[in-house]
Amino acid sequence: MFIHLIYSISFSSFGPAFVDLTYTLDVSLQLVSIFPTVLAVGHITGTLFGLIYKFFNRQLIITLLLYLMTLSSTSVPFTTTIWQYYLCALGYGIGSGAWMTTYNVWLMEMWQDKSERVLFISQLIYGIGATIGPFIDAPYLTGDNQDITVAERKAKLFVPFVIIGGIQVIFPIIMTIMFFLHRYHKQNILEDDTSAQSVDYKSKKLFDKSDPITKYTVVVLAAVSLASINSLELVYFNFGSTFFQKIPVHMSATIAANVISTLSSVYTACQVINLGIALLINRNIMIAYHYVITSVAIIALIFVQYSVPGVWVLAVIVGYGFSLLYPGILASVGTKLTINNRVGTIIWFISGAFNFVPPLILGPLLESFPMIFVVTQVIYLIISAMFLI
């Protein structure tokens, strides 16, 4: 889980730096904003590693890809051309796709019937990291300030990315040591559908008992719902800082990054609250009212474009709304279906495919029509709710 913490720190540090990167790379915001799209291509590719773990050691592969992620994320401020920048996105995406598939399957393998609470704790860890990333960035961002030179911008951007990279590299080093000293071995795990046949029929989860067509239809529907929520969160974390700088309130880059950090803090704190509420209220009811809260808060952004306090308040509400959706839906799916390497690959492959789209829409339009940020999120909320139902 500590690796997941560092993953979320590095991932959340990219978005707040987009405006500064337009100056250091001397390109438009549209081109810089394609970073998440290229990352999504890498993410899709990375999820496919889940299909080869039966033939190659999973722990070794993911360790090598964690090194790739570290190198790619640390190199971002050192890039001098847009293609070098995209190459960093691709390398990081390949590592993140493999990591997300492996990490979530690992949790469910190790904890099985207790995995629901562990997934909430996992999102708590992710939220802490997503809070720290923009917080580390904030002092070194200058945004649209014209009084600073490109060389000065680069010198400032180096600092947060090198700090995060220095922390990030510790964990693949630890995993390398663990590979040789204490290699992970799974026990009594349903690795695929063929091994599932040896398990008593009554012990299977609801859709494990279904025919393959029904089972994988459910997998795809659940994957689309999860992918929509994942994309919704990534839109906010990647483009929220830029959105707050472009709407009439015109926040500075530092304050905008702090708003995202506050949202992440609320997102994190509410994971603990949700664990307590889950003991009293049915999970499906919780998911339903979090959908409503998130929808209202996102639409309300239309009405607070001129209000700094309004933006801060809605960031807190959105953080609370986000806090349950992804872990709640994933836990719900996990109670009805065994998430093994194959199913995990399908889920996070579709997730990566969904992440491909938003930057292509937001990049060209965010400067001239900032409300596309709101429209995109509302669409993803509707898709997620429809496919979950």
Protein backbone atom coordinates (compact mmCIF):
# COMPACT_ATOMS: atom_id res chain seq x y z
CA MET A 1 0.00 0.00 0.00
CA PHE A 2 2.94 2.34 0.53
CA ILE A 3 3.80 1.88 -3.15
CA HIS A 4 0.22 2.88 -3.97
CA LEU A 5 0.72 5.99 -1.84
CA ILE A 6 3.77 7.03 -3.85
CA TYR A 7 1.98 6.17 -7.09
CA SER A 8 -0.83 8.58 -6.20
CA ILE A 9 1.64 11.31 -5.17
CA SER A 10 3.44 11.17 -8.51
CA PHE A 11 0.24 10.82 -10.55
CA SER A 12 -1.42 13.82 -8.89
CA SER A 13 1.63 16.03 -9.44
CA PHE A 14 1.27 16.20 -13.24
CA GLY A 15 -1.98 18.15 -13.65
CA PRO A 16 -1.13 21.24 -11.55
CA ALA A 17 2.03 21.75 -13.65
CA PHE A 18 0.29 21.84 -17.05
CA VAL A 19 0.19 25.65 -17.38
CA ASP A 20 3.87 25.98 -16.42
CA LEU A 21 4.81 23.25 -18.90
CA THR A 22 3.23 25.25 -21.75
CA TYR A 23 5.97 27.83 -21.13
CA THR A 24 8.90 25.46 -20.56
CA LEU A 25 8.04 23.46 -23.69
CA ASP A 26 6.85 26.53 -25.65
CA VAL A 27 3.65 24.85 -26.83
CA SER A 28 -0.08 25.40 -26.39
CA LEU A 29 -2.14 24.14 -23.48
CA GLN A 30 -3.92 21.90 -25.98
CA LEU A 31 -0.69 20.00 -26.71
CA VAL A 32 0.36 19.81 -23.05
CA SER A 33 -3.11 18.51 -22.15
CA ILE A 34 -2.64 15.49 -24.41
CA PHE A 35 -0.33 14.09 -21.70
CA PRO A 36 -3.18 12.13 -20.02
CA THR A 37 -4.24 10.75 -23.42
CA VAL A 38 -0.76 9.40 -24.15
CA LEU A 39 -0.62 8.16 -20.56
CA ALA A 40 -3.93 6.35 -21.17
CA VAL A 41 -2.45 4.62 -24.24
CA GLY A 42 0.40 3.41 -22.04
CA HIS A 43 -2.09 2.45 -19.32
CA ILE A 44 -4.06 0.29 -21.77
CA THR A 45 -0.83 -1.40 -22.85
CA GLY A 46 0.25 -1.92 -19.24
CA THR A 47 -2.99 -3.68 -18.27
CA LEU A 48 -2.23 -6.38 -20.83
CA PHE A 49 0.65 -7.57 -18.67
CA GLY A 50 -2.06 -9.21 -16.56
CA LEU A 51 -2.43 -11.80 -19.31
CA ILE A 52 1.18 -13.02 -19.11
CA TYR A 53 1.53 -13.51 -15.35
CA LYS A 54 0.83 -17.24 -15.80
CA PHE A 55 4.06 -17.48 -17.80
CA PHE A 56 6.36 -14.87 -16.17
CA ASN A 57 6.90 -13.89 -12.56
CA ARG A 58 4.42 -11.15 -11.66
CA GLN A 59 6.51 -9.66 -8.87
CA LEU A 60 9.58 -9.27 -11.08
CA ILE A 61 7.65 -7.69 -13.96
CA ILE A 62 5.90 -5.14 -11.78
CA THR A 63 9.19 -4.24 -10.08
CA LEU A 64 10.81 -3.46 -13.44
CA LEU A 65 7.80 -1.39 -14.47
CA LEU A 66 7.93 0.58 -11.21
CA TYR A 67 11.48 1.59 -12.17
CA LEU A 68 10.10 2.71 -15.55
CA MET A 69 7.40 4.81 -13.82
CA THR A 70 10.00 6.48 -11.60
CA LEU A 71 12.26 7.37 -14.51
CA SER A 72 9.34 8.65 -16.59
CA SER A 73 7.76 10.87 -13.93
CA THR A 74 11.07 12.36 -12.76
CA SER A 75 12.05 13.21 -16.35
CA VAL A 76 8.98 15.39 -17.08
CA PRO A 77 10.48 18.80 -16.14
CA PHE A 78 13.74 17.92 -17.93
CA THR A 79 12.03 17.45 -21.30
CA THR A 80 12.81 20.02 -24.00
CA THR A 81 10.42 18.86 -26.75
CA ILE A 82 6.79 17.82 -26.75
CA TRP A 83 7.74 14.33 -27.98
CA GLN A 84 10.06 13.74 -25.04
CA TYR A 85 7.20 14.86 -22.80
CA TYR A 86 4.82 12.39 -24.47
CA LEU A 87 7.41 9.60 -24.14
CA CYS A 88 7.43 10.21 -20.38
CA ALA A 89 3.63 9.94 -20.37
CA LEU A 90 3.76 6.67 -22.32
CA GLY A 91 6.36 5.09 -20.03
CA TYR A 92 4.52 6.17 -16.90
CA GLY A 93 1.22 4.92 -18.35
CA ILE A 94 2.60 1.45 -19.10
CA GLY A 95 3.81 1.16 -15.54
CA SER A 96 0.59 2.52 -14.03
CA GLY A 97 -1.62 0.19 -16.08
CA ALA A 98 0.32 -2.85 -14.96
CA TRP A 99 0.44 -1.57 -11.38
CA MET A 100 -3.32 -0.95 -11.08
CA THR A 101 -4.15 -4.39 -12.45
CA THR A 102 -1.60 -6.15 -10.26
CA TYR A 103 -2.22 -4.15 -7.09
CA ASN A 104 -5.99 -4.61 -6.98
CA VAL A 105 -5.79 -8.32 -7.83
CA TRP A 106 -3.10 -8.76 -5.16
CA LEU A 107 -5.34 -7.16 -2.53
CA MET A 108 -8.23 -9.44 -3.39
CA GLU A 109 -5.98 -12.50 -3.47
CA MET A 110 -4.49 -11.81 -0.06
CA TRP A 111 -7.61 -10.60 1.75
CA GLN A 112 -10.42 -12.35 -0.20
CA ASP A 113 -13.58 -12.08 1.97
CA LYS A 114 -12.11 -9.12 3.87
CA SER A 115 -11.10 -7.27 0.70
CA GLU A 116 -14.00 -4.76 0.86
CA ARG A 117 -12.58 -2.91 3.87
CA VAL A 118 -9.06 -3.23 2.53
CA LEU A 119 -10.19 -1.52 -0.69
CA PHE A 120 -11.53 1.40 1.34
CA ILE A 121 -8.19 1.61 3.16
CA SER A 122 -6.46 1.47 -0.21
CA GLN A 123 -8.48 4.49 -1.39
CA LEU A 124 -7.61 6.22 1.87
CA ILE A 125 -3.94 5.69 1.05
CA TYR A 126 -4.50 6.89 -2.52
CA GLY A 127 -6.28 10.00 -1.25
CA ILE A 128 -3.38 10.85 1.07
CA GLY A 129 -1.02 10.66 -1.90
CA ALA A 130 -3.33 12.74 -4.11
CA THR A 131 -3.27 15.40 -1.37
CA ILE A 132 0.50 15.41 -1.08
CA GLY A 133 1.26 15.66 -4.84
CA PRO A 134 -0.32 19.09 -5.49
CA PHE A 135 0.91 20.26 -2.06
CA ILE A 136 4.52 19.53 -3.10
CA ASP A 137 3.94 21.21 -6.47
CA ALA A 138 2.23 24.36 -5.21
CA PRO A 139 5.24 26.46 -4.01
CA TYR A 140 7.05 25.90 -7.32
CA LEU A 141 4.24 26.80 -9.76
CA THR A 142 3.97 30.20 -11.44
CA GLY A 143 1.05 29.68 -13.83
CA ASP A 144 0.38 32.50 -16.31
CA ASN A 145 2.77 34.90 -14.57
CA GLN A 146 4.60 36.67 -17.42
CA ASP A 147 7.31 38.17 -15.19
CA ILE A 148 9.32 34.95 -14.85
CA THR A 149 11.70 33.53 -17.45
CA VAL A 150 11.55 30.03 -18.91
CA ALA A 151 14.85 29.13 -17.22
CA GLU A 152 13.46 30.22 -13.85
CA ARG A 153 10.28 28.18 -14.42
CA LYS A 154 12.32 25.08 -15.23
CA ALA A 155 14.54 25.55 -12.20
CA LYS A 156 11.46 25.70 -9.97
CA LEU A 157 9.70 22.72 -11.62
CA PHE A 158 12.74 20.48 -11.20
CA VAL A 159 12.38 20.59 -7.41
CA PRO A 160 8.99 18.87 -6.82
CA PHE A 161 9.50 16.25 -9.54
CA VAL A 162 12.96 15.30 -8.26
CA ILE A 163 11.69 15.14 -4.65
CA ILE A 164 8.85 12.81 -5.66
CA GLY A 165 11.12 10.75 -7.92
CA GLY A 166 13.63 10.32 -5.09
CA ILE A 167 10.91 8.92 -2.84
CA GLN A 168 9.38 6.87 -5.64
CA VAL A 169 12.57 4.96 -6.47
CA ILE A 170 12.85 3.59 -2.91
CA PHE A 171 9.97 1.17 -3.43
CA PRO A 172 11.09 -0.70 -6.55
CA ILE A 173 14.44 -1.07 -4.77
CA ILE A 174 12.63 -2.63 -1.79
CA MET A 175 10.63 -4.89 -4.14
CA THR A 176 13.85 -5.99 -5.82
CA ILE A 177 15.27 -7.00 -2.44
CA MET A 178 11.99 -8.75 -1.52
CA PHE A 179 12.02 -10.66 -4.83
CA PHE A 180 15.28 -12.32 -3.85
CA LEU A 181 14.69 -12.63 -0.10
CA HIS A 182 10.92 -13.11 0.33
CA ARG A 183 9.20 -13.86 -2.95
CA TYR A 184 5.40 -13.58 -3.01
CA HIS A 185 3.44 -16.83 -3.54
CA LYS A 186 -0.32 -16.93 -3.83
CA GLN A 187 -2.28 -19.68 -2.07
CA ASN A 188 -5.77 -21.03 -2.71
CA ILE A 189 -6.45 -18.38 -5.31
CA LEU A 190 -8.75 -18.74 -8.31
CA GLU A 191 -6.20 -17.82 -10.93
CA ASP A 192 -8.52 -18.36 -13.89
CA ASP A 193 -11.78 -19.94 -14.92
CA THR A 194 -10.31 -23.43 -15.29
CA SER A 195 -9.00 -23.56 -11.73
CA ALA A 196 -12.36 -22.23 -10.55
CA GLN A 197 -13.94 -25.50 -11.63
CA SER A 198 -12.25 -27.28 -8.73
CA VAL A 199 -13.97 -25.07 -6.15
CA ASP A 200 -17.25 -26.18 -4.61
CA TYR A 201 -20.17 -24.72 -6.58
CA LYS A 202 -21.86 -23.29 -3.49
CA SER A 203 -18.74 -21.38 -2.47
CA LYS A 204 -18.62 -19.44 -5.73
CA LYS A 205 -19.82 -15.88 -5.98
CA LEU A 206 -23.05 -15.11 -7.86
CA PHE A 207 -21.68 -14.50 -11.35
CA ASP A 208 -18.90 -17.09 -11.02
CA LYS A 209 -21.73 -19.62 -11.38
CA SER A 210 -23.01 -18.06 -14.61
CA ASP A 211 -22.19 -19.11 -18.16
CA PRO A 212 -19.19 -17.30 -19.71
CA ILE A 213 -21.32 -14.94 -21.84
CA THR A 214 -23.32 -13.73 -18.84
CA LYS A 215 -20.26 -13.52 -16.64
CA TYR A 216 -18.18 -11.46 -19.04
CA THR A 217 -21.13 -9.25 -19.95
CA VAL A 218 -21.35 -8.37 -16.25
CA VAL A 219 -17.59 -7.81 -16.17
CA VAL A 220 -17.79 -5.35 -19.09
CA LEU A 221 -20.79 -3.48 -17.62
CA ALA A 222 -19.05 -3.18 -14.26
CA ALA A 223 -15.82 -2.13 -15.97
CA VAL A 224 -17.59 0.68 -17.86
CA SER A 225 -19.15 1.98 -14.64
CA LEU A 226 -15.80 1.87 -12.82
CA ALA A 227 -13.97 3.38 -15.80
CA SER A 228 -16.40 6.31 -15.91
CA ILE A 229 -15.84 7.09 -12.23
CA ASN A 230 -12.08 6.71 -12.64
CA SER A 231 -12.12 9.11 -15.61
CA LEU A 232 -14.31 11.52 -13.66
CA GLU A 233 -11.74 11.65 -10.85
CA LEU A 234 -8.82 11.97 -13.26
CA VAL A 235 -10.50 14.86 -15.08
CA TYR A 236 -10.79 16.72 -11.78
CA PHE A 237 -7.26 15.92 -10.59
CA ASN A 238 -5.58 16.55 -13.98
CA PHE A 239 -7.57 19.55 -15.22
CA GLY A 240 -9.12 21.02 -12.07
CA SER A 241 -6.14 23.28 -11.38
CA THR A 242 -6.17 24.60 -14.97
CA PHE A 243 -9.97 25.04 -14.84
CA PHE A 244 -9.75 27.21 -11.72
CA GLN A 245 -7.12 29.39 -13.42
CA LYS A 246 -9.25 29.87 -16.55
CA ILE A 247 -12.73 30.59 -15.13
CA PRO A 248 -13.60 34.25 -14.28
CA VAL A 249 -12.34 33.91 -10.70
CA HIS A 250 -8.81 33.49 -12.20
CA MET A 251 -7.08 31.76 -9.31
CA SER A 252 -3.30 31.74 -9.25
CA ALA A 253 -1.54 28.46 -10.06
CA THR A 254 -0.52 28.00 -6.42
CA ILE A 255 -4.02 28.58 -5.01
CA ALA A 256 -5.60 26.36 -7.70
CA ALA A 257 -3.20 23.55 -6.79
CA ASN A 258 -4.11 24.03 -3.12
CA VAL A 259 -7.82 23.71 -3.98
CA ILE A 260 -7.11 20.32 -5.58
CA SER A 261 -5.01 19.37 -2.58
CA THR A 262 -7.93 20.31 -0.28
CA LEU A 263 -10.32 18.21 -2.36
CA SER A 264 -7.91 15.29 -2.02
CA SER A 265 -7.66 15.84 1.74
CA VAL A 266 -11.44 15.66 2.11
CA TYR A 267 -11.51 12.63 -0.20
CA THR A 268 -8.98 10.97 2.10
CA ALA A 269 -10.61 11.86 5.42
CA CYS A 270 -13.99 10.68 4.21
CA GLN A 271 -12.64 7.19 3.53
CA VAL A 272 -12.47 6.77 7.31
CA ILE A 273 -15.97 8.21 7.74
CA ASN A 274 -17.31 5.88 5.05
CA LEU A 275 -15.91 2.84 6.85
CA GLY A 276 -17.98 3.76 9.89
CA ILE A 277 -21.13 4.60 7.94
CA ALA A 278 -20.85 1.28 6.05
CA LEU A 279 -21.51 -0.51 9.34
CA LEU A 280 -24.89 1.24 9.61
CA ILE A 281 -26.11 1.79 6.05
CA ASN A 282 -26.39 -0.53 3.04
CA ARG A 283 -23.55 -0.04 0.56
CA ASN A 284 -25.91 0.50 -2.39
CA ILE A 285 -27.71 3.31 -0.56
CA MET A 286 -24.36 4.93 0.16
CA ILE A 287 -23.33 4.70 -3.49
CA ALA A 288 -26.65 6.24 -4.56
CA TYR A 289 -26.44 9.32 -2.34
CA HIS A 290 -22.78 9.86 -3.23
CA TYR A 291 -23.81 9.94 -6.89
CA VAL A 292 -26.38 12.63 -6.05
CA ILE A 293 -23.96 14.72 -3.95
CA THR A 294 -21.26 14.55 -6.63
CA SER A 295 -23.68 15.49 -9.41
CA VAL A 296 -25.06 18.50 -7.55
CA ALA A 297 -21.60 19.77 -6.57
CA ILE A 298 -20.19 19.49 -10.09
CA ILE A 299 -23.17 21.22 -11.71
CA ALA A 300 -22.98 23.95 -9.06
CA LEU A 301 -19.53 24.91 -10.42
CA ILE A 302 -21.43 26.76 -13.15
CA PHE A 303 -22.79 29.19 -10.55
CA VAL A 304 -19.61 29.93 -8.55
CA GLN A 305 -17.28 31.05 -11.35
CA TYR A 306 -16.84 34.47 -9.73
CA SER A 307 -16.63 33.29 -6.13
CA VAL A 308 -13.39 32.07 -4.54
CA PRO A 309 -15.17 30.86 -1.36
CA GLY A 310 -17.75 29.07 -3.55
CA VAL A 311 -15.00 27.17 -5.37
CA TRP A 312 -13.42 26.10 -2.06
CA VAL A 313 -16.75 24.92 -0.64
CA LEU A 314 -17.57 22.88 -3.73
CA ALA A 315 -14.10 21.33 -3.68
CA VAL A 316 -14.88 20.01 -0.20
CA ILE A 317 -18.28 18.66 -1.32
CA VAL A 318 -16.86 17.03 -4.46
CA GLY A 319 -14.12 15.41 -2.35
CA TYR A 320 -16.79 13.87 -0.15
CA GLY A 321 -18.83 12.75 -3.14
CA PHE A 322 -15.85 11.11 -4.84
CA SER A 323 -14.71 9.36 -1.68
CA LEU A 324 -17.04 6.37 -1.89
CA LEU A 325 -17.82 5.90 -5.57
CA TYR A 326 -14.78 4.01 -6.87
CA PRO A 327 -14.04 1.80 -3.83
CA GLY A 328 -17.77 1.25 -3.22
CA ILE A 329 -18.48 0.10 -6.77
CA LEU A 330 -15.34 -2.06 -6.91
CA ALA A 331 -16.20 -3.69 -3.57
CA SER A 332 -19.76 -4.29 -4.78
CA VAL A 333 -18.47 -5.99 -7.92
CA GLY A 334 -16.04 -8.04 -5.81
CA THR A 335 -18.89 -9.53 -3.74
CA LYS A 336 -20.59 -10.89 -6.86
CA LEU A 337 -17.60 -11.83 -8.97
CA THR A 338 -14.08 -13.15 -8.35
CA ILE A 339 -11.59 -10.58 -9.65
CA ASN A 340 -8.64 -12.60 -10.90
CA ASN A 341 -5.87 -11.62 -13.35
CA ARG A 342 -8.13 -12.06 -16.38
CA VAL A 343 -11.09 -10.10 -14.98
CA GLY A 344 -8.76 -7.45 -13.56
CA THR A 345 -7.12 -7.01 -16.95
CA ILE A 346 -10.52 -6.44 -18.61
CA ILE A 347 -11.59 -3.91 -15.96
CA TRP A 348 -8.44 -1.80 -16.05
CA PHE A 349 -8.03 -2.12 -19.82
CA ILE A 350 -11.46 -0.53 -20.26
CA SER A 351 -10.53 2.03 -17.61
CA GLY A 352 -7.50 3.04 -19.63
CA ALA A 353 -9.58 3.26 -22.81
CA PHE A 354 -11.99 5.68 -21.11
CA ASN A 355 -9.12 7.83 -19.86
CA PHE A 356 -8.00 8.27 -23.46
CA VAL A 357 -10.95 10.52 -24.36
CA PRO A 358 -11.21 13.50 -21.90
CA PRO A 359 -7.87 15.18 -22.75
CA LEU A 360 -8.81 15.19 -26.44
CA ILE A 361 -11.96 17.12 -25.53
CA LEU A 362 -10.64 19.33 -22.74
CA GLY A 363 -7.29 20.23 -24.33
CA PRO A 364 -8.68 22.20 -27.30
CA LEU A 365 -11.64 23.74 -25.43
CA LEU A 366 -10.65 24.41 -21.82
CA GLU A 367 -9.17 27.86 -22.50
CA SER A 368 -12.01 29.15 -24.68
CA PHE A 369 -14.88 27.26 -23.03
CA PRO A 370 -13.91 26.28 -19.45
CA MET A 371 -17.37 24.85 -18.74
CA ILE A 372 -16.47 21.85 -20.90
CA PHE A 373 -14.82 20.68 -17.67
CA VAL A 374 -18.26 20.48 -16.03
CA VAL A 375 -20.01 19.00 -19.07
CA THR A 376 -17.45 16.19 -19.38
CA GLN A 377 -17.84 15.19 -15.74
CA VAL A 378 -21.64 15.18 -15.88
CA ILE A 379 -21.52 12.88 -18.92
CA TYR A 380 -19.23 10.45 -17.10
CA LEU A 381 -21.49 10.44 -14.04
CA ILE A 382 -24.51 9.58 -16.20
CA ILE A 383 -22.64 6.77 -18.00
CA SER A 384 -21.41 5.28 -14.73
CA ALA A 385 -24.85 5.31 -13.12
CA MET A 386 -26.54 3.79 -16.21
CA PHE A 387 -24.10 0.89 -16.48
CA LEU A 388 -24.09 0.24 -12.75
CA ILE A 389 -27.89 -0.03 -12.66
